[in-house]
Amino acid sequence: MPLFTCRAVLFDLDGVLVDSTPCVTRVWRGWALEHGFDPECVVQVAHGKKAIETVRIVAPHLDPNHEFAILEQRELDDTEGLSVLPGAKELLASLPASKYVIVTSGTRRLAIRRLQIAGLPVPKQLISADEVTRGKPDPEPYLKGAAAVGAPAGECLVFEDAPSGIHSAQAAGAKVIGIVTTSRQEELAEAELIIPSLASVSFAGSTTDGQLHFEVEAGQTG
């Protein structure tokens, strides 16, 4: 059983702690169809990215701020099928609150709403799209996440489900465990380990010097 040691843990939200795929897919598909875009292509581009950046990529002729406001409200309103992912509640409950942060490509309002609906705690430290200039795959989100818990990014352990998030975390210097929820296993191959869910992860305690230890059940190396 692999053992990971770190000073802090950085969690992506959607696809790691909560399953919002039904909601996200409905919102982006609907928006794409309204504008005459290929919905499957738009959903794929949107995966793991800030909504406003997705708009800029797929619809550079539209006002990104206007479209972002529409998309955010739709995501806030659409919560049907949203649920907590296996192992998330148990792992968060076992961790010291000061030792982890959520780093999401969604807005703060959206992150808090999804956490509340899923029955998960809203952490003291939350890095959202509102707090960064450049979203994933840029390293900025995870660098800010590490700074929020007062740990060097190189001493943080990240849990991610999207290639853009893995690239962001690795560019920041963090160790990454990929979770196969919204991406194919081969798309997560650059992660140090690949697991099916957080149910495979157990917090094994901390040492007097502040190191956190995690046991991870059999997964596949990247």
C-alpha atoms as a PDB file:
ATOM      1  CA  MET A   1       0.000   0.000   0.000  1.00  0.00           C
ATOM      2  CA  PRO A   2       1.680   3.271  -1.143  1.00  0.00           C
ATOM      3  CA  LEU A   3       2.365   5.843   1.574  1.00  0.00           C
ATOM      4  CA  PHE A   4       2.307   9.562   0.756  1.00  0.00           C
ATOM      5  CA  THR A   5       3.750  12.221   3.032  1.00  0.00           C
ATOM      6  CA  CYS A   6       3.025  15.928   2.757  1.00  0.00           C
ATOM      7  CA  ARG A   7       2.483  19.113   4.758  1.00  0.00           C
ATOM      8  CA  ALA A   8      -0.932  19.950   3.321  1.00  0.00           C
ATOM      9  CA  VAL A   9      -3.584  18.561   0.989  1.00  0.00           C
ATOM     10  CA  LEU A  10      -5.143  20.411  -1.928  1.00  0.00           C
ATOM     11  CA  PHE A  11      -8.425  19.072  -3.282  1.00  0.00           C
ATOM     12  CA  ASP A  12     -10.100  19.883  -6.544  1.00  0.00           C
ATOM     13  CA  LEU A  13     -13.863  20.046  -5.981  1.00  0.00           C
ATOM     14  CA  ASP A  14     -15.893  18.766  -8.923  1.00  0.00           C
ATOM     15  CA  GLY A  15     -15.029  15.181  -9.766  1.00  0.00           C
ATOM     16  CA  VAL A  16     -12.987  14.745  -6.577  1.00  0.00           C
ATOM     17  CA  LEU A  17     -15.270  15.670  -3.682  1.00  0.00           C
ATOM     18  CA  VAL A  18     -18.619  16.091  -5.422  1.00  0.00           C
ATOM     19  CA  ASP A  19     -20.182  14.648  -8.549  1.00  0.00           C
ATOM     20  CA  SER A  20     -21.594  17.627 -10.416  1.00  0.00           C
ATOM     21  CA  THR A  21     -21.228  16.086 -13.874  1.00  0.00           C
ATOM     22  CA  PRO A  22     -24.986  15.869 -14.587  1.00  0.00           C
ATOM     23  CA  CYS A  23     -25.433  19.553 -13.705  1.00  0.00           C
ATOM     24  CA  VAL A  24     -22.367  20.801 -15.550  1.00  0.00           C
ATOM     25  CA  THR A  25     -23.179  18.776 -18.658  1.00  0.00           C
ATOM     26  CA  ARG A  26     -26.772  20.035 -18.819  1.00  0.00           C
ATOM     27  CA  VAL A  27     -25.742  23.675 -18.409  1.00  0.00           C
ATOM     28  CA  TRP A  28     -22.940  23.630 -20.969  1.00  0.00           C
ATOM     29  CA  ARG A  29     -24.877  21.526 -23.484  1.00  0.00           C
ATOM     30  CA  GLY A  30     -27.842  23.881 -23.271  1.00  0.00           C
ATOM     31  CA  TRP A  31     -25.651  26.944 -23.685  1.00  0.00           C
ATOM     32  CA  ALA A  32     -23.799  25.377 -26.623  1.00  0.00           C
ATOM     33  CA  LEU A  33     -27.007  24.476 -28.441  1.00  0.00           C
ATOM     34  CA  GLU A  34     -28.375  27.997 -27.958  1.00  0.00           C
ATOM     35  CA  HIS A  35     -25.325  29.385 -29.756  1.00  0.00           C
ATOM     36  CA  GLY A  36     -25.047  26.717 -32.433  1.00  0.00           C
ATOM     37  CA  PHE A  37     -21.905  25.051 -31.086  1.00  0.00           C
ATOM     38  CA  ASP A  38     -21.105  21.346 -30.889  1.00  0.00           C
ATOM     39  CA  PRO A  39     -22.256  20.535 -27.320  1.00  0.00           C
ATOM     40  CA  GLU A  40     -19.887  17.600 -26.842  1.00  0.00           C
ATOM     41  CA  CYS A  41     -16.910  19.708 -27.888  1.00  0.00           C
ATOM     42  CA  VAL A  42     -17.908  22.547 -25.551  1.00  0.00           C
ATOM     43  CA  VAL A  43     -18.377  20.195 -22.598  1.00  0.00           C
ATOM     44  CA  GLN A  44     -14.938  18.718 -23.240  1.00  0.00           C
ATOM     45  CA  VAL A  45     -13.274  22.137 -23.446  1.00  0.00           C
ATOM     46  CA  ALA A  46     -15.012  23.266 -20.245  1.00  0.00           C
ATOM     47  CA  HIS A  47     -13.729  20.330 -18.202  1.00  0.00           C
ATOM     48  CA  GLY A  48     -11.513  21.611 -15.396  1.00  0.00           C
ATOM     49  CA  LYS A  49     -11.359  25.197 -16.664  1.00  0.00           C
ATOM     50  CA  LYS A  50     -12.784  28.519 -15.520  1.00  0.00           C
ATOM     51  CA  ALA A  51     -16.107  29.129 -17.259  1.00  0.00           C
ATOM     52  CA  ILE A  52     -15.056  32.532 -18.560  1.00  0.00           C
ATOM     53  CA  GLU A  53     -11.943  31.010 -20.142  1.00  0.00           C
ATOM     54  CA  THR A  54     -14.051  28.356 -21.851  1.00  0.00           C
ATOM     55  CA  VAL A  55     -16.272  31.075 -23.325  1.00  0.00           C
ATOM     56  CA  ARG A  56     -13.205  32.920 -24.605  1.00  0.00           C
ATOM     57  CA  ILE A  57     -11.929  29.741 -26.275  1.00  0.00           C
ATOM     58  CA  VAL A  58     -15.128  28.517 -27.952  1.00  0.00           C
ATOM     59  CA  ALA A  59     -16.896  31.844 -28.541  1.00  0.00           C
ATOM     60  CA  PRO A  60     -14.354  34.678 -28.856  1.00  0.00           C
ATOM     61  CA  HIS A  61     -16.988  36.803 -30.629  1.00  0.00           C
ATOM     62  CA  LEU A  62     -19.263  36.872 -27.558  1.00  0.00           C
ATOM     63  CA  ASP A  63     -19.009  39.079 -24.472  1.00  0.00           C
ATOM     64  CA  PRO A  64     -17.303  36.708 -22.002  1.00  0.00           C
ATOM     65  CA  ASN A  65     -18.500  38.539 -18.887  1.00  0.00           C
ATOM     66  CA  HIS A  66     -22.121  38.493 -20.028  1.00  0.00           C
ATOM     67  CA  GLU A  67     -22.030  34.808 -20.946  1.00  0.00           C
ATOM     68  CA  PHE A  68     -20.174  33.941 -17.744  1.00  0.00           C
ATOM     69  CA  ALA A  69     -22.878  35.590 -15.640  1.00  0.00           C
ATOM     70  CA  ILE A  70     -25.548  33.526 -17.416  1.00  0.00           C
ATOM     71  CA  LEU A  71     -23.601  30.283 -17.037  1.00  0.00           C
ATOM     72  CA  GLU A  72     -22.803  30.836 -13.368  1.00  0.00           C
ATOM     73  CA  GLN A  73     -26.450  31.475 -12.495  1.00  0.00           C
ATOM     74  CA  ARG A  74     -27.542  28.380 -14.389  1.00  0.00           C
ATOM     75  CA  GLU A  75     -24.991  26.276 -12.518  1.00  0.00           C
ATOM     76  CA  LEU A  76     -26.153  27.744  -9.205  1.00  0.00           C
ATOM     77  CA  ASP A  77     -29.759  26.882 -10.069  1.00  0.00           C
ATOM     78  CA  ASP A  78     -29.159  23.399 -11.481  1.00  0.00           C
ATOM     79  CA  THR A  79     -28.351  20.996  -8.633  1.00  0.00           C
ATOM     80  CA  GLU A  80     -30.375  17.970  -9.699  1.00  0.00           C
ATOM     81  CA  GLY A  81     -28.294  14.811  -9.353  1.00  0.00           C
ATOM     82  CA  LEU A  82     -25.434  16.503  -7.504  1.00  0.00           C
ATOM     83  CA  SER A  83     -23.955  14.169  -4.896  1.00  0.00           C
ATOM     84  CA  VAL A  84     -20.943  13.558  -2.679  1.00  0.00           C
ATOM     85  CA  LEU A  85     -18.341  11.192  -4.111  1.00  0.00           C
ATOM     86  CA  PRO A  86     -17.214   8.018  -2.267  1.00  0.00           C
ATOM     87  CA  GLY A  87     -14.751   8.601   0.552  1.00  0.00           C
ATOM     88  CA  ALA A  88     -14.904  12.402   0.406  1.00  0.00           C
ATOM     89  CA  LYS A  89     -16.902  12.999   3.588  1.00  0.00           C
ATOM     90  CA  GLU A  90     -14.890  10.501   5.603  1.00  0.00           C
ATOM     91  CA  LEU A  91     -11.486  11.787   4.460  1.00  0.00           C
ATOM     92  CA  LEU A  92     -12.326  15.437   5.093  1.00  0.00           C
ATOM     93  CA  ALA A  93     -13.669  14.592   8.549  1.00  0.00           C
ATOM     94  CA  SER A  94     -10.400  12.858   9.431  1.00  0.00           C
ATOM     95  CA  LEU A  95      -8.162  15.782   8.443  1.00  0.00           C
ATOM     96  CA  PRO A  96      -7.199  18.814  10.544  1.00  0.00           C
ATOM     97  CA  ALA A  97      -9.192  21.705   9.057  1.00  0.00           C
ATOM     98  CA  SER A  98      -6.062  23.853   8.875  1.00  0.00           C
ATOM     99  CA  LYS A  99      -4.240  21.315   6.726  1.00  0.00           C
ATOM    100  CA  TYR A 100      -6.333  21.252   3.584  1.00  0.00           C
ATOM    101  CA  VAL A 101      -7.728  23.648   0.997  1.00  0.00           C
ATOM    102  CA  ILE A 102     -10.136  23.262  -1.904  1.00  0.00           C
ATOM    103  CA  VAL A 103      -8.876  24.612  -5.231  1.00  0.00           C
ATOM    104  CA  THR A 104     -11.693  24.853  -7.761  1.00  0.00           C
ATOM    105  CA  SER A 105     -12.183  26.312 -11.222  1.00  0.00           C
ATOM    106  CA  GLY A 106     -15.699  27.367 -10.221  1.00  0.00           C
ATOM    107  CA  THR A 107     -16.644  30.552  -8.448  1.00  0.00           C
ATOM    108  CA  ARG A 108     -16.751  30.829  -4.662  1.00  0.00           C
ATOM    109  CA  ARG A 109     -20.562  31.060  -4.671  1.00  0.00           C
ATOM    110  CA  LEU A 110     -20.845  27.932  -6.769  1.00  0.00           C
ATOM    111  CA  ALA A 111     -18.313  25.988  -4.703  1.00  0.00           C
ATOM    112  CA  ILE A 112     -20.048  26.814  -1.416  1.00  0.00           C
ATOM    113  CA  ARG A 113     -23.448  25.893  -2.827  1.00  0.00           C
ATOM    114  CA  ARG A 114     -22.231  22.519  -4.092  1.00  0.00           C
ATOM    115  CA  LEU A 115     -20.451  21.718  -0.832  1.00  0.00           C
ATOM    116  CA  GLN A 116     -23.572  22.530   1.161  1.00  0.00           C
ATOM    117  CA  ILE A 117     -25.859  20.471  -1.051  1.00  0.00           C
ATOM    118  CA  ALA A 118     -23.447  17.529  -0.891  1.00  0.00           C
ATOM    119  CA  GLY A 119     -23.316  17.801   2.915  1.00  0.00           C
ATOM    120  CA  LEU A 120     -19.603  18.603   3.031  1.00  0.00           C
ATOM    121  CA  PRO A 121     -17.960  21.242   5.239  1.00  0.00           C
ATOM    122  CA  VAL A 122     -17.069  24.595   3.740  1.00  0.00           C
ATOM    123  CA  PRO A 123     -13.344  24.850   4.497  1.00  0.00           C
ATOM    124  CA  LYS A 124     -11.578  27.822   5.998  1.00  0.00           C
ATOM    125  CA  GLN A 125      -9.354  27.883   2.920  1.00  0.00           C
ATOM    126  CA  LEU A 126     -10.975  27.942  -0.507  1.00  0.00           C
ATOM    127  CA  ILE A 127      -9.296  29.075  -3.725  1.00  0.00           C
ATOM    128  CA  SER A 128     -11.877  29.679  -6.439  1.00  0.00           C
ATOM    129  CA  ALA A 129     -11.988  31.245  -9.897  1.00  0.00           C
ATOM    130  CA  ASP A 130     -12.604  34.577  -8.168  1.00  0.00           C
ATOM    131  CA  GLU A 131      -9.165  34.494  -6.545  1.00  0.00           C
ATOM    132  CA  VAL A 132      -7.015  33.754  -9.601  1.00  0.00           C
ATOM    133  CA  THR A 133      -6.106  35.610 -12.757  1.00  0.00           C
ATOM    134  CA  ARG A 134      -5.094  32.514 -14.701  1.00  0.00           C
ATOM    135  CA  GLY A 135      -6.984  29.272 -14.170  1.00  0.00           C
ATOM    136  CA  LYS A 136      -5.877  25.667 -14.547  1.00  0.00           C
ATOM    137  CA  PRO A 137      -3.684  24.417 -16.288  1.00  0.00           C
ATOM    138  CA  ASP A 138      -1.687  27.466 -15.160  1.00  0.00           C
ATOM    139  CA  PRO A 139       0.046  26.800 -11.803  1.00  0.00           C
ATOM    140  CA  GLU A 140      -1.476  29.911 -10.174  1.00  0.00           C
ATOM    141  CA  PRO A 141      -4.478  28.149  -8.540  1.00  0.00           C
ATOM    142  CA  TYR A 142      -2.352  25.541  -6.782  1.00  0.00           C
ATOM    143  CA  LEU A 143       0.375  27.993  -5.863  1.00  0.00           C
ATOM    144  CA  LYS A 144      -2.285  30.096  -4.150  1.00  0.00           C
ATOM    145  CA  GLY A 145      -3.769  26.993  -2.550  1.00  0.00           C
ATOM    146  CA  ALA A 146      -0.412  26.077  -1.058  1.00  0.00           C
ATOM    147  CA  ALA A 147       0.125  29.634   0.169  1.00  0.00           C
ATOM    148  CA  ALA A 148      -3.297  29.586   1.836  1.00  0.00           C
ATOM    149  CA  VAL A 149      -2.231  26.707   4.084  1.00  0.00           C
ATOM    150  CA  GLY A 150       1.271  28.055   4.582  1.00  0.00           C
ATOM    151  CA  ALA A 151       3.084  25.195   2.870  1.00  0.00           C
ATOM    152  CA  PRO A 152       5.448  25.096  -0.117  1.00  0.00           C
ATOM    153  CA  ALA A 153       3.639  23.707  -3.151  1.00  0.00           C
ATOM    154  CA  GLY A 154       6.352  21.064  -3.449  1.00  0.00           C
ATOM    155  CA  GLU A 155       5.301  19.687  -0.072  1.00  0.00           C
ATOM    156  CA  CYS A 156       1.598  19.464  -0.929  1.00  0.00           C
ATOM    157  CA  LEU A 157      -0.439  16.495  -2.133  1.00  0.00           C
ATOM    158  CA  VAL A 158      -3.108  17.229  -4.745  1.00  0.00           C
ATOM    159  CA  PHE A 159      -6.158  15.178  -5.708  1.00  0.00           C
ATOM    160  CA  GLU A 160      -7.389  15.887  -9.244  1.00  0.00           C
ATOM    161  CA  ASP A 161      -9.731  14.379 -11.823  1.00  0.00           C
ATOM    162  CA  ALA A 162      -8.913  16.528 -14.870  1.00  0.00           C
ATOM    163  CA  PRO A 163      -5.805  16.730 -17.057  1.00  0.00           C
ATOM    164  CA  SER A 164      -5.803  20.528 -16.792  1.00  0.00           C
ATOM    165  CA  GLY A 165      -5.780  20.242 -13.008  1.00  0.00           C
ATOM    166  CA  ILE A 166      -2.953  17.708 -13.023  1.00  0.00           C
ATOM    167  CA  HIS A 167      -0.891  19.995 -15.241  1.00  0.00           C
ATOM    168  CA  SER A 168      -1.640  22.953 -12.956  1.00  0.00           C
ATOM    169  CA  ALA A 169      -0.590  21.068  -9.815  1.00  0.00           C
ATOM    170  CA  GLN A 170       2.555  19.634 -11.352  1.00  0.00           C
ATOM    171  CA  ALA A 171       3.569  23.013 -12.771  1.00  0.00           C
ATOM    172  CA  ALA A 172       3.274  24.332  -9.214  1.00  0.00           C
ATOM    173  CA  GLY A 173       5.591  21.546  -8.051  1.00  0.00           C
ATOM    174  CA  ALA A 174       3.053  19.446  -6.133  1.00  0.00           C
ATOM    175  CA  LYS A 175       2.585  15.677  -6.058  1.00  0.00           C
ATOM    176  CA  VAL A 176      -0.659  14.598  -7.736  1.00  0.00           C
ATOM    177  CA  ILE A 177      -2.980  11.631  -7.367  1.00  0.00           C
ATOM    178  CA  GLY A 178      -5.445  11.270 -10.228  1.00  0.00           C
ATOM    179  CA  ILE A 179      -9.025  10.142  -9.670  1.00  0.00           C
ATOM    180  CA  VAL A 180     -10.894   8.359 -12.459  1.00  0.00           C
ATOM    181  CA  THR A 181     -14.315   9.983 -12.271  1.00  0.00           C
ATOM    182  CA  THR A 182     -14.646  12.362 -15.209  1.00  0.00           C
ATOM    183  CA  SER A 183     -11.585  11.494 -17.313  1.00  0.00           C
ATOM    184  CA  ARG A 184     -10.269   8.280 -18.795  1.00  0.00           C
ATOM    185  CA  GLN A 185      -7.362   6.630 -17.033  1.00  0.00           C
ATOM    186  CA  GLU A 186      -5.011   7.324 -19.910  1.00  0.00           C
ATOM    187  CA  GLU A 187      -5.812  11.039 -19.690  1.00  0.00           C
ATOM    188  CA  LEU A 188      -4.549  11.039 -16.098  1.00  0.00           C
ATOM    189  CA  ALA A 189      -1.353   9.133 -16.884  1.00  0.00           C
ATOM    190  CA  GLU A 190       0.935  11.954 -15.750  1.00  0.00           C
ATOM    191  CA  ALA A 191      -0.286  11.644 -12.151  1.00  0.00           C
ATOM    192  CA  GLU A 192       1.938   9.766  -9.708  1.00  0.00           C
ATOM    193  CA  LEU A 193      -0.889   7.380  -8.881  1.00  0.00           C
ATOM    194  CA  ILE A 194      -4.397   6.778 -10.226  1.00  0.00           C
ATOM    195  CA  ILE A 195      -7.268   5.699  -7.986  1.00  0.00           C
ATOM    196  CA  PRO A 196     -11.029   5.247  -8.445  1.00  0.00           C
ATOM    197  CA  SER A 197     -12.091   7.570  -5.602  1.00  0.00           C
ATOM    198  CA  LEU A 198     -11.091   9.042  -2.254  1.00  0.00           C
ATOM    199  CA  ALA A 199     -12.434   5.862  -0.663  1.00  0.00           C
ATOM    200  CA  SER A 200      -8.996   4.462  -1.542  1.00  0.00           C
ATOM    201  CA  VAL A 201      -7.271   7.028   0.695  1.00  0.00           C
ATOM    202  CA  SER A 202      -6.825   6.849   4.476  1.00  0.00           C
ATOM    203  CA  PHE A 203      -5.302   9.518   6.700  1.00  0.00           C
ATOM    204  CA  ALA A 204      -2.674   7.695   8.761  1.00  0.00           C
ATOM    205  CA  GLY A 205      -1.950  10.579  11.131  1.00  0.00           C
ATOM    206  CA  SER A 206       0.607  13.331  11.526  1.00  0.00           C
ATOM    207  CA  THR A 207       4.009  13.688  13.123  1.00  0.00           C
ATOM    208  CA  THR A 208       5.258  16.300  15.569  1.00  0.00           C
ATOM    209  CA  ASP A 209       6.990  18.186  12.762  1.00  0.00           C
ATOM    210  CA  GLY A 210       3.680  18.677  10.917  1.00  0.00           C
ATOM    211  CA  GLN A 211       4.007  15.953   8.301  1.00  0.00           C
ATOM    212  CA  LEU A 212       0.762  14.260   7.211  1.00  0.00           C
ATOM    213  CA  HIS A 213       0.763  10.595   6.215  1.00  0.00           C
ATOM    214  CA  PHE A 214      -1.705   8.935   3.856  1.00  0.00           C
ATOM    215  CA  GLU A 215      -2.139   5.303   2.912  1.00  0.00           C
ATOM    216  CA  VAL A 216      -3.495   4.722  -0.580  1.00  0.00           C
ATOM    217  CA  GLU A 217      -4.939   1.408  -1.724  1.00  0.00           C
ATOM    218  CA  ALA A 218      -3.730  -0.172  -4.918  1.00  0.00           C
ATOM    219  CA  GLY A 219      -3.993   2.106  -7.911  1.00  0.00           C
ATOM    220  CA  GLN A 220      -2.090   2.427 -11.147  1.00  0.00           C
ATOM    221  CA  THR A 221       1.024   4.524 -11.476  1.00  0.00           C
ATOM    222  CA  GLY A 222       1.076   7.241 -14.098  1.00  0.00           C
END
